[in-house]
Amino acid sequence: MKNDGKAQIEKNRKKFSVKSMYFNRYLLVRYVSALFFFTNLYWLISLLMSDSPLYFIPLMLIILLLFSVVEQVKMYSNHTNNAKYTRYCFTILLVTNVILILPTCFSSTFAHLYPFLLNQEKSKILILTMLVTGILLSVLILYRLYQIKHNEDKHYERINRYVEAIN
């Protein structure tokens, strides 16, 4: 009886390890999602405090990110390679960042979009840098999601080697 209990504990430990490894394939995605969430939250608070009519932009992005976060949490219990909502979320973040480049550089709506900054070249360069960084991060995450969906990521190879080793 004692050996059966130890064997069951060891089996559960191995199962938990594999489950955690599958969940950790999305670790970079979760970190970048948190970065986008808090950046948009800060932007939303700034727009609300300045009574800007464009507060709905970061609000919608935050709501979108929450759908992605919910999907990520569900993946712990039900592993899937297809993070559909997360992919949509980062596609919309990518498109939004690309669209926001125009008013940042060429429009008078800069003061409404970023009321916490002065309408100067230095401020525009800062925002442009942040938008380009957001674009690059979105592209990176979309590529990562593509790799995971098609089992082309390094973590998948490690998981397979681990499963072979424990069996």
N, C-alpha and C. Protein backbone atom coordinates (compact mmCIF):
# COMPACT_ATOMS: atom_id res chain seq x y z
N MET A 1 0.82 -1.20 0.00
CA MET A 1 0.00 0.00 0.00
C MET A 1 0.86 1.25 0.00
N LYS A 2 1.95 1.21 0.79
CA LYS A 2 2.81 2.37 0.89
C LYS A 2 3.49 2.67 -0.44
N ASN A 3 3.93 1.64 -1.16
CA ASN A 3 4.57 1.82 -2.46
C ASN A 3 3.58 2.34 -3.50
N ASP A 4 2.32 1.90 -3.42
CA ASP A 4 1.30 2.40 -4.35
C ASP A 4 1.08 3.89 -4.17
N GLY A 5 1.08 4.33 -2.93
CA GLY A 5 0.92 5.76 -2.64
C GLY A 5 2.08 6.58 -3.17
N LYS A 6 3.30 6.07 -2.98
CA LYS A 6 4.48 6.77 -3.51
C LYS A 6 4.46 6.80 -5.03
N ALA A 7 4.05 5.71 -5.63
CA ALA A 7 3.98 5.65 -7.09
C ALA A 7 2.94 6.64 -7.62
N GLN A 8 1.82 6.75 -6.92
CA GLN A 8 0.79 7.70 -7.34
C GLN A 8 1.28 9.14 -7.18
N ILE A 9 1.98 9.42 -6.10
CA ILE A 9 2.53 10.77 -5.89
C ILE A 9 3.53 11.10 -6.98
N GLU A 10 4.39 10.15 -7.31
CA GLU A 10 5.39 10.37 -8.36
C GLU A 10 4.72 10.57 -9.72
N LYS A 11 3.67 9.82 -9.98
CA LYS A 11 2.92 9.97 -11.24
C LYS A 11 2.28 11.35 -11.32
N ASN A 12 1.67 11.80 -10.21
CA ASN A 12 1.06 13.13 -10.17
C ASN A 12 2.11 14.23 -10.32
N ARG A 13 3.28 14.04 -9.73
CA ARG A 13 4.35 15.02 -9.84
C ARG A 13 4.80 15.16 -11.30
N LYS A 14 4.96 14.05 -11.98
CA LYS A 14 5.36 14.07 -13.39
C LYS A 14 4.29 14.72 -14.26
N LYS A 15 3.05 14.39 -13.97
CA LYS A 15 1.93 14.98 -14.72
C LYS A 15 1.89 16.50 -14.50
N PHE A 16 2.09 16.92 -13.26
CA PHE A 16 2.10 18.35 -12.94
C PHE A 16 3.27 19.05 -13.63
N SER A 17 4.41 18.40 -13.70
CA SER A 17 5.59 18.97 -14.36
C SER A 17 5.32 19.22 -15.85
N VAL A 18 4.74 18.24 -16.50
CA VAL A 18 4.42 18.38 -17.93
C VAL A 18 3.39 19.49 -18.13
N LYS A 19 2.38 19.52 -17.27
CA LYS A 19 1.35 20.56 -17.35
C LYS A 19 1.97 21.95 -17.19
N SER A 20 2.88 22.09 -16.25
CA SER A 20 3.55 23.37 -16.03
C SER A 20 4.43 23.75 -17.21
N MET A 21 5.07 22.77 -17.82
CA MET A 21 5.92 23.05 -18.98
C MET A 21 5.09 23.55 -20.16
N TYR A 22 3.94 22.94 -20.36
CA TYR A 22 3.06 23.43 -21.44
C TYR A 22 2.58 24.85 -21.15
N PHE A 23 2.26 25.12 -19.90
CA PHE A 23 1.80 26.46 -19.51
C PHE A 23 2.91 27.49 -19.68
N ASN A 24 4.14 27.10 -19.41
CA ASN A 24 5.27 28.03 -19.49
C ASN A 24 5.67 28.36 -20.92
N ARG A 25 5.12 27.65 -21.89
CA ARG A 25 5.36 28.02 -23.29
C ARG A 25 4.87 29.44 -23.56
N TYR A 26 3.89 29.88 -22.79
CA TYR A 26 3.27 31.19 -22.98
C TYR A 26 3.81 32.24 -22.01
N LEU A 27 4.93 31.98 -21.37
CA LEU A 27 5.46 32.89 -20.36
C LEU A 27 5.76 34.28 -20.93
N LEU A 28 6.44 34.36 -22.05
CA LEU A 28 6.74 35.65 -22.68
C LEU A 28 5.45 36.38 -23.05
N VAL A 29 4.47 35.64 -23.53
CA VAL A 29 3.18 36.23 -23.89
C VAL A 29 2.53 36.87 -22.67
N ARG A 30 2.58 36.19 -21.53
CA ARG A 30 1.98 36.73 -20.31
C ARG A 30 2.71 37.98 -19.83
N TYR A 31 4.03 37.99 -19.90
CA TYR A 31 4.78 39.17 -19.48
C TYR A 31 4.49 40.38 -20.37
N VAL A 32 4.46 40.16 -21.66
CA VAL A 32 4.18 41.27 -22.58
C VAL A 32 2.74 41.74 -22.43
N SER A 33 1.82 40.82 -22.17
CA SER A 33 0.43 41.20 -21.92
C SER A 33 0.34 42.10 -20.69
N ALA A 34 1.07 41.76 -19.64
CA ALA A 34 1.08 42.58 -18.43
C ALA A 34 1.67 43.96 -18.72
N LEU A 35 2.72 44.01 -19.50
CA LEU A 35 3.32 45.29 -19.88
C LEU A 35 2.31 46.16 -20.62
N PHE A 36 1.63 45.60 -21.62
CA PHE A 36 0.62 46.35 -22.36
C PHE A 36 -0.54 46.76 -21.45
N PHE A 37 -0.95 45.87 -20.55
CA PHE A 37 -2.06 46.17 -19.66
C PHE A 37 -1.74 47.40 -18.80
N PHE A 38 -0.59 47.39 -18.15
CA PHE A 38 -0.27 48.49 -17.24
C PHE A 38 0.06 49.78 -18.00
N THR A 39 0.62 49.67 -19.19
CA THR A 39 0.86 50.86 -20.00
C THR A 39 -0.46 51.50 -20.40
N ASN A 40 -1.40 50.68 -20.84
CA ASN A 40 -2.71 51.21 -21.23
C ASN A 40 -3.51 51.70 -20.03
N LEU A 41 -3.34 51.07 -18.89
CA LEU A 41 -4.00 51.54 -17.67
C LEU A 41 -3.50 52.93 -17.28
N TYR A 42 -2.20 53.12 -17.32
CA TYR A 42 -1.62 54.43 -17.02
C TYR A 42 -2.13 55.47 -18.01
N TRP A 43 -2.17 55.10 -19.28
CA TRP A 43 -2.65 56.01 -20.32
C TRP A 43 -4.12 56.35 -20.09
N LEU A 44 -4.95 55.35 -19.74
CA LEU A 44 -6.36 55.58 -19.45
C LEU A 44 -6.54 56.54 -18.28
N ILE A 45 -5.82 56.32 -17.21
CA ILE A 45 -5.94 57.20 -16.05
C ILE A 45 -5.55 58.63 -16.41
N SER A 46 -4.50 58.79 -17.19
CA SER A 46 -4.08 60.12 -17.62
C SER A 46 -5.14 60.80 -18.48
N LEU A 47 -5.75 60.05 -19.37
CA LEU A 47 -6.79 60.62 -20.23
C LEU A 47 -8.03 60.97 -19.41
N LEU A 48 -8.39 60.15 -18.45
CA LEU A 48 -9.56 60.44 -17.61
C LEU A 48 -9.31 61.67 -16.73
N MET A 49 -8.12 61.79 -16.21
CA MET A 49 -7.81 62.93 -15.36
C MET A 49 -7.78 64.24 -16.14
N SER A 50 -7.51 64.17 -17.42
CA SER A 50 -7.45 65.39 -18.23
C SER A 50 -8.73 65.62 -19.01
N ASP A 51 -9.75 64.81 -18.77
CA ASP A 51 -11.04 64.92 -19.47
C ASP A 51 -10.91 64.84 -20.98
N SER A 52 -10.03 64.01 -21.43
CA SER A 52 -9.86 63.81 -22.88
C SER A 52 -10.98 62.94 -23.40
N PRO A 53 -11.53 63.30 -24.55
CA PRO A 53 -12.61 62.48 -25.13
C PRO A 53 -12.12 61.15 -25.73
N LEU A 54 -10.81 60.95 -25.78
CA LEU A 54 -10.26 59.76 -26.42
C LEU A 54 -9.90 58.66 -25.42
N TYR A 55 -10.47 58.73 -24.23
CA TYR A 55 -10.19 57.73 -23.20
C TYR A 55 -10.63 56.33 -23.60
N PHE A 56 -11.55 56.23 -24.55
CA PHE A 56 -12.08 54.93 -24.95
C PHE A 56 -11.01 54.05 -25.64
N ILE A 57 -9.98 54.66 -26.20
CA ILE A 57 -8.95 53.87 -26.90
C ILE A 57 -8.22 52.95 -25.91
N PRO A 58 -7.60 53.47 -24.85
CA PRO A 58 -6.95 52.53 -23.93
C PRO A 58 -7.94 51.65 -23.18
N LEU A 59 -9.15 52.16 -22.95
CA LEU A 59 -10.16 51.34 -22.27
C LEU A 59 -10.49 50.10 -23.09
N MET A 60 -10.68 50.26 -24.38
CA MET A 60 -10.98 49.11 -25.24
C MET A 60 -9.78 48.15 -25.30
N LEU A 61 -8.57 48.69 -25.32
CA LEU A 61 -7.40 47.84 -25.35
C LEU A 61 -7.26 47.05 -24.05
N ILE A 62 -7.59 47.66 -22.93
CA ILE A 62 -7.54 46.97 -21.64
C ILE A 62 -8.57 45.84 -21.61
N ILE A 63 -9.76 46.11 -22.08
CA ILE A 63 -10.80 45.07 -22.12
C ILE A 63 -10.34 43.91 -23.00
N LEU A 64 -9.75 44.22 -24.13
CA LEU A 64 -9.22 43.21 -25.03
C LEU A 64 -8.14 42.38 -24.35
N LEU A 65 -7.26 43.06 -23.63
CA LEU A 65 -6.19 42.36 -22.91
C LEU A 65 -6.75 41.45 -21.82
N LEU A 66 -7.86 41.87 -21.21
CA LEU A 66 -8.47 41.02 -20.18
C LEU A 66 -8.99 39.71 -20.76
N PHE A 67 -9.54 39.76 -21.97
CA PHE A 67 -9.95 38.52 -22.65
C PHE A 67 -8.75 37.61 -22.87
N SER A 68 -7.64 38.20 -23.25
CA SER A 68 -6.42 37.44 -23.44
C SER A 68 -5.93 36.83 -22.13
N VAL A 69 -6.00 37.60 -21.05
CA VAL A 69 -5.57 37.10 -19.74
C VAL A 69 -6.45 35.94 -19.29
N VAL A 70 -7.75 36.07 -19.50
CA VAL A 70 -8.67 34.98 -19.13
C VAL A 70 -8.32 33.72 -19.92
N GLU A 71 -8.04 33.88 -21.20
CA GLU A 71 -7.66 32.72 -22.01
C GLU A 71 -6.37 32.10 -21.49
N GLN A 72 -5.42 32.93 -21.10
CA GLN A 72 -4.15 32.42 -20.57
C GLN A 72 -4.36 31.63 -19.28
N VAL A 73 -5.22 32.13 -18.41
CA VAL A 73 -5.50 31.44 -17.15
C VAL A 73 -6.18 30.10 -17.42
N LYS A 74 -7.11 30.07 -18.35
CA LYS A 74 -7.79 28.82 -18.69
C LYS A 74 -6.84 27.78 -19.27
N MET A 75 -5.77 28.24 -19.88
CA MET A 75 -4.82 27.31 -20.50
C MET A 75 -4.09 26.46 -19.47
N TYR A 76 -4.09 26.89 -18.22
CA TYR A 76 -3.40 26.08 -17.22
C TYR A 76 -4.13 24.75 -17.02
N SER A 77 -5.45 24.79 -17.00
CA SER A 77 -6.19 23.55 -16.80
C SER A 77 -6.50 22.83 -18.10
N ASN A 78 -6.66 23.57 -19.17
CA ASN A 78 -6.96 22.97 -20.48
C ASN A 78 -5.94 23.46 -21.50
N HIS A 79 -4.86 22.72 -21.65
CA HIS A 79 -3.80 23.13 -22.57
C HIS A 79 -4.31 23.14 -24.01
N THR A 80 -3.92 24.18 -24.73
CA THR A 80 -4.20 24.27 -26.15
C THR A 80 -3.05 25.00 -26.83
N ASN A 81 -2.83 24.69 -28.08
CA ASN A 81 -1.81 25.38 -28.87
C ASN A 81 -2.38 26.61 -29.55
N ASN A 82 -3.68 26.71 -29.62
CA ASN A 82 -4.33 27.78 -30.36
C ASN A 82 -4.88 28.83 -29.40
N ALA A 83 -4.10 29.87 -29.14
CA ALA A 83 -4.52 30.96 -28.26
C ALA A 83 -5.24 32.00 -29.12
N LYS A 84 -6.47 31.70 -29.47
CA LYS A 84 -7.23 32.50 -30.43
C LYS A 84 -7.43 33.94 -29.95
N TYR A 85 -7.92 34.14 -28.74
CA TYR A 85 -8.18 35.49 -28.24
C TYR A 85 -6.89 36.28 -28.04
N THR A 86 -5.86 35.61 -27.63
CA THR A 86 -4.56 36.27 -27.45
C THR A 86 -4.03 36.73 -28.80
N ARG A 87 -4.17 35.90 -29.81
CA ARG A 87 -3.73 36.27 -31.16
C ARG A 87 -4.52 37.47 -31.67
N TYR A 88 -5.84 37.46 -31.48
CA TYR A 88 -6.66 38.61 -31.89
C TYR A 88 -6.25 39.86 -31.13
N CYS A 89 -6.01 39.70 -29.85
CA CYS A 89 -5.63 40.82 -29.00
C CYS A 89 -4.35 41.49 -29.51
N PHE A 90 -3.33 40.69 -29.77
CA PHE A 90 -2.06 41.26 -30.21
C PHE A 90 -2.12 41.77 -31.64
N THR A 91 -2.99 41.21 -32.45
CA THR A 91 -3.20 41.77 -33.79
C THR A 91 -3.83 43.15 -33.69
N ILE A 92 -4.82 43.29 -32.83
CA ILE A 92 -5.46 44.60 -32.66
C ILE A 92 -4.50 45.60 -32.01
N LEU A 93 -3.69 45.14 -31.06
CA LEU A 93 -2.67 46.03 -30.48
C LEU A 93 -1.69 46.50 -31.54
N LEU A 94 -1.29 45.60 -32.42
CA LEU A 94 -0.38 45.96 -33.51
C LEU A 94 -1.01 47.01 -34.42
N VAL A 95 -2.23 46.77 -34.85
CA VAL A 95 -2.92 47.70 -35.74
C VAL A 95 -3.13 49.05 -35.05
N THR A 96 -3.50 49.03 -33.78
CA THR A 96 -3.71 50.27 -33.05
C THR A 96 -2.43 51.08 -32.95
N ASN A 97 -1.33 50.42 -32.65
CA ASN A 97 -0.05 51.14 -32.56
C ASN A 97 0.36 51.73 -33.90
N VAL A 98 0.12 51.00 -34.98
CA VAL A 98 0.43 51.52 -36.31
C VAL A 98 -0.45 52.73 -36.62
N ILE A 99 -1.74 52.63 -36.31
CA ILE A 99 -2.66 53.74 -36.58
C ILE A 99 -2.31 54.96 -35.73
N LEU A 100 -1.88 54.77 -34.50
CA LEU A 100 -1.55 55.89 -33.62
C LEU A 100 -0.28 56.63 -34.02
N ILE A 101 0.50 56.07 -34.92
CA ILE A 101 1.70 56.77 -35.38
C ILE A 101 1.31 58.05 -36.14
N LEU A 102 0.25 57.98 -36.92
CA LEU A 102 -0.15 59.16 -37.71
C LEU A 102 -0.51 60.37 -36.84
N PRO A 103 -1.42 60.25 -35.86
CA PRO A 103 -1.71 61.43 -35.05
C PRO A 103 -0.53 61.87 -34.18
N THR A 104 0.34 60.95 -33.87
CA THR A 104 1.51 61.31 -33.06
C THR A 104 2.44 62.23 -33.84
N CYS A 105 2.61 61.95 -35.12
CA CYS A 105 3.56 62.71 -35.92
C CYS A 105 2.93 63.88 -36.69
N PHE A 106 1.72 63.71 -37.15
CA PHE A 106 1.20 64.66 -38.13
C PHE A 106 -0.12 65.33 -37.78
N SER A 107 -0.62 65.17 -36.59
CA SER A 107 -1.97 65.66 -36.31
C SER A 107 -1.99 66.54 -35.07
N SER A 108 -3.07 67.29 -34.96
CA SER A 108 -3.25 68.16 -33.79
C SER A 108 -3.90 67.40 -32.63
N THR A 109 -4.23 66.12 -32.82
CA THR A 109 -4.84 65.35 -31.74
C THR A 109 -3.82 64.82 -30.74
N PHE A 110 -2.55 65.16 -30.95
CA PHE A 110 -1.50 64.73 -30.03
C PHE A 110 -1.83 65.15 -28.59
N ALA A 111 -2.28 66.36 -28.42
CA ALA A 111 -2.60 66.87 -27.08
C ALA A 111 -3.77 66.12 -26.45
N HIS A 112 -4.70 65.63 -27.25
CA HIS A 112 -5.83 64.85 -26.71
C HIS A 112 -5.43 63.41 -26.40
N LEU A 113 -4.53 62.86 -27.21
CA LEU A 113 -4.09 61.49 -26.99
C LEU A 113 -3.09 61.37 -25.84
N TYR A 114 -2.26 62.39 -25.69
CA TYR A 114 -1.21 62.36 -24.66
C TYR A 114 -1.20 63.67 -23.88
N PRO A 115 -2.24 63.92 -23.10
CA PRO A 115 -2.34 65.21 -22.40
C PRO A 115 -1.29 65.41 -21.31
N PHE A 116 -0.62 64.37 -20.94
CA PHE A 116 0.40 64.46 -19.90
C PHE A 116 1.75 64.88 -20.46
N LEU A 117 1.84 65.09 -21.78
CA LEU A 117 3.07 65.53 -22.43
C LEU A 117 2.87 66.86 -23.13
N LEU A 118 3.93 67.62 -23.23
CA LEU A 118 3.89 68.85 -24.01
C LEU A 118 3.96 68.50 -25.49
N ASN A 119 3.31 69.31 -26.30
CA ASN A 119 3.29 69.07 -27.73
C ASN A 119 4.60 69.59 -28.33
N GLN A 120 5.68 68.83 -28.11
CA GLN A 120 7.01 69.18 -28.60
C GLN A 120 7.60 68.00 -29.36
N GLU A 121 8.68 68.27 -30.06
CA GLU A 121 9.34 67.21 -30.83
C GLU A 121 9.86 66.10 -29.91
N LYS A 122 10.41 66.47 -28.75
CA LYS A 122 10.94 65.46 -27.83
C LYS A 122 9.82 64.52 -27.37
N SER A 123 8.66 65.07 -27.08
CA SER A 123 7.52 64.26 -26.65
C SER A 123 7.05 63.35 -27.77
N LYS A 124 7.02 63.88 -28.97
CA LYS A 124 6.59 63.08 -30.11
C LYS A 124 7.57 61.94 -30.38
N ILE A 125 8.85 62.21 -30.22
CA ILE A 125 9.85 61.16 -30.41
C ILE A 125 9.70 60.09 -29.34
N LEU A 126 9.42 60.50 -28.09
CA LEU A 126 9.21 59.53 -27.01
C LEU A 126 8.02 58.63 -27.32
N ILE A 127 6.90 59.23 -27.69
CA ILE A 127 5.70 58.45 -28.00
C ILE A 127 5.92 57.58 -29.23
N LEU A 128 6.59 58.13 -30.23
CA LEU A 128 6.88 57.35 -31.43
C LEU A 128 7.76 56.13 -31.08
N THR A 129 8.72 56.33 -30.20
CA THR A 129 9.56 55.22 -29.75
C THR A 129 8.73 54.17 -29.03
N MET A 130 7.82 54.62 -28.18
CA MET A 130 6.96 53.67 -27.46
C MET A 130 6.05 52.92 -28.42
N LEU A 131 5.51 53.61 -29.42
CA LEU A 131 4.63 52.94 -30.39
C LEU A 131 5.40 51.92 -31.23
N VAL A 132 6.60 52.29 -31.65
CA VAL A 132 7.41 51.35 -32.43
C VAL A 132 7.79 50.14 -31.57
N THR A 133 8.10 50.38 -30.29
CA THR A 133 8.38 49.28 -29.38
C THR A 133 7.15 48.38 -29.24
N GLY A 134 5.97 48.98 -29.12
CA GLY A 134 4.72 48.22 -29.06
C GLY A 134 4.49 47.40 -30.32
N ILE A 135 4.81 47.97 -31.46
CA ILE A 135 4.67 47.25 -32.73
C ILE A 135 5.61 46.05 -32.76
N LEU A 136 6.86 46.29 -32.38
CA LEU A 136 7.85 45.20 -32.39
C LEU A 136 7.47 44.09 -31.41
N LEU A 137 7.01 44.47 -30.22
CA LEU A 137 6.58 43.47 -29.24
C LEU A 137 5.37 42.69 -29.74
N SER A 138 4.43 43.37 -30.37
CA SER A 138 3.25 42.69 -30.91
C SER A 138 3.63 41.70 -32.00
N VAL A 139 4.54 42.11 -32.88
CA VAL A 139 5.01 41.21 -33.94
C VAL A 139 5.73 40.01 -33.33
N LEU A 140 6.57 40.26 -32.32
CA LEU A 140 7.28 39.19 -31.65
C LEU A 140 6.31 38.18 -31.02
N ILE A 141 5.28 38.68 -30.35
CA ILE A 141 4.32 37.79 -29.70
C ILE A 141 3.49 37.04 -30.74
N LEU A 142 3.10 37.70 -31.81
CA LEU A 142 2.36 37.00 -32.86
C LEU A 142 3.21 35.89 -33.48
N TYR A 143 4.48 36.16 -33.65
CA TYR A 143 5.39 35.12 -34.16
C TYR A 143 5.51 33.98 -33.15
N ARG A 144 5.62 34.33 -31.89
CA ARG A 144 5.72 33.31 -30.83
C ARG A 144 4.45 32.45 -30.80
N LEU A 145 3.29 33.08 -30.92
CA LEU A 145 2.02 32.34 -30.94
C LEU A 145 1.95 31.42 -32.16
N TYR A 146 2.46 31.90 -33.28
CA TYR A 146 2.51 31.07 -34.49
C TYR A 146 3.39 29.83 -34.24
N GLN A 147 4.56 30.05 -33.63
CA GLN A 147 5.45 28.92 -33.33
C GLN A 147 4.78 27.91 -32.40
N ILE A 148 4.12 28.41 -31.38
CA ILE A 148 3.45 27.52 -30.43
C ILE A 148 2.33 26.74 -31.11
N LYS A 149 1.55 27.45 -31.92
CA LYS A 149 0.43 26.80 -32.60
C LYS A 149 0.90 25.65 -33.49
N HIS A 150 2.05 25.83 -34.11
CA HIS A 150 2.57 24.81 -35.03
C HIS A 150 3.65 23.93 -34.38
N ASN A 151 3.77 24.00 -33.05
CA ASN A 151 4.74 23.20 -32.29
C ASN A 151 6.16 23.35 -32.83
N GLU A 152 6.53 24.58 -33.16
CA GLU A 152 7.87 24.86 -33.67
C GLU A 152 8.74 25.57 -32.64
N ASP A 153 8.27 25.70 -31.42
CA ASP A 153 9.02 26.41 -30.39
C ASP A 153 9.97 25.47 -29.66
N LYS A 154 11.00 26.04 -29.04
CA LYS A 154 12.00 25.24 -28.34
C LYS A 154 11.42 24.54 -27.12
N HIS A 155 10.43 25.17 -26.48
CA HIS A 155 9.82 24.56 -25.30
C HIS A 155 9.13 23.24 -25.65
N TYR A 156 8.52 23.18 -26.81
CA TYR A 156 7.85 21.95 -27.22
C TYR A 156 8.85 20.80 -27.35
N GLU A 157 10.01 21.10 -27.92
CA GLU A 157 11.06 20.08 -28.03
C GLU A 157 11.50 19.61 -26.65
N ARG A 158 11.68 20.56 -25.72
CA ARG A 158 12.07 20.20 -24.36
C ARG A 158 11.02 19.35 -23.67
N ILE A 159 9.76 19.70 -23.89
CA ILE A 159 8.67 18.93 -23.30
C ILE A 159 8.69 17.50 -23.82
N ASN A 160 8.87 17.35 -25.12
CA ASN A 160 8.91 16.01 -25.71
C ASN A 160 10.08 15.20 -25.17
N ARG A 161 11.26 15.83 -25.04
CA ARG A 161 12.42 15.12 -24.47
C ARG A 161 12.15 14.72 -23.02
N TYR A 162 11.51 15.60 -22.27
CA TYR A 162 11.20 15.31 -20.86
C TYR A 162 10.19 14.15 -20.75
N VAL A 163 9.16 14.19 -21.58
CA VAL A 163 8.16 13.12 -21.56
C VAL A 163 8.79 11.78 -21.93
N GLU A 164 9.68 11.79 -22.92
CA GLU A 164 10.38 10.56 -23.28
C GLU A 164 11.24 10.05 -22.13
N ALA A 165 11.88 10.97 -21.44
CA ALA A 165 12.79 10.59 -20.34
C ALA A 165 12.03 10.01 -19.15
N ILE A 166 10.83 10.52 -18.87
CA ILE A 166 10.11 10.03 -17.68
C ILE A 166 9.30 8.77 -17.98
N ASN A 167 9.12 8.46 -19.25
CA ASN A 167 8.36 7.24 -19.61
C ASN A 167 9.23 6.11 -19.94
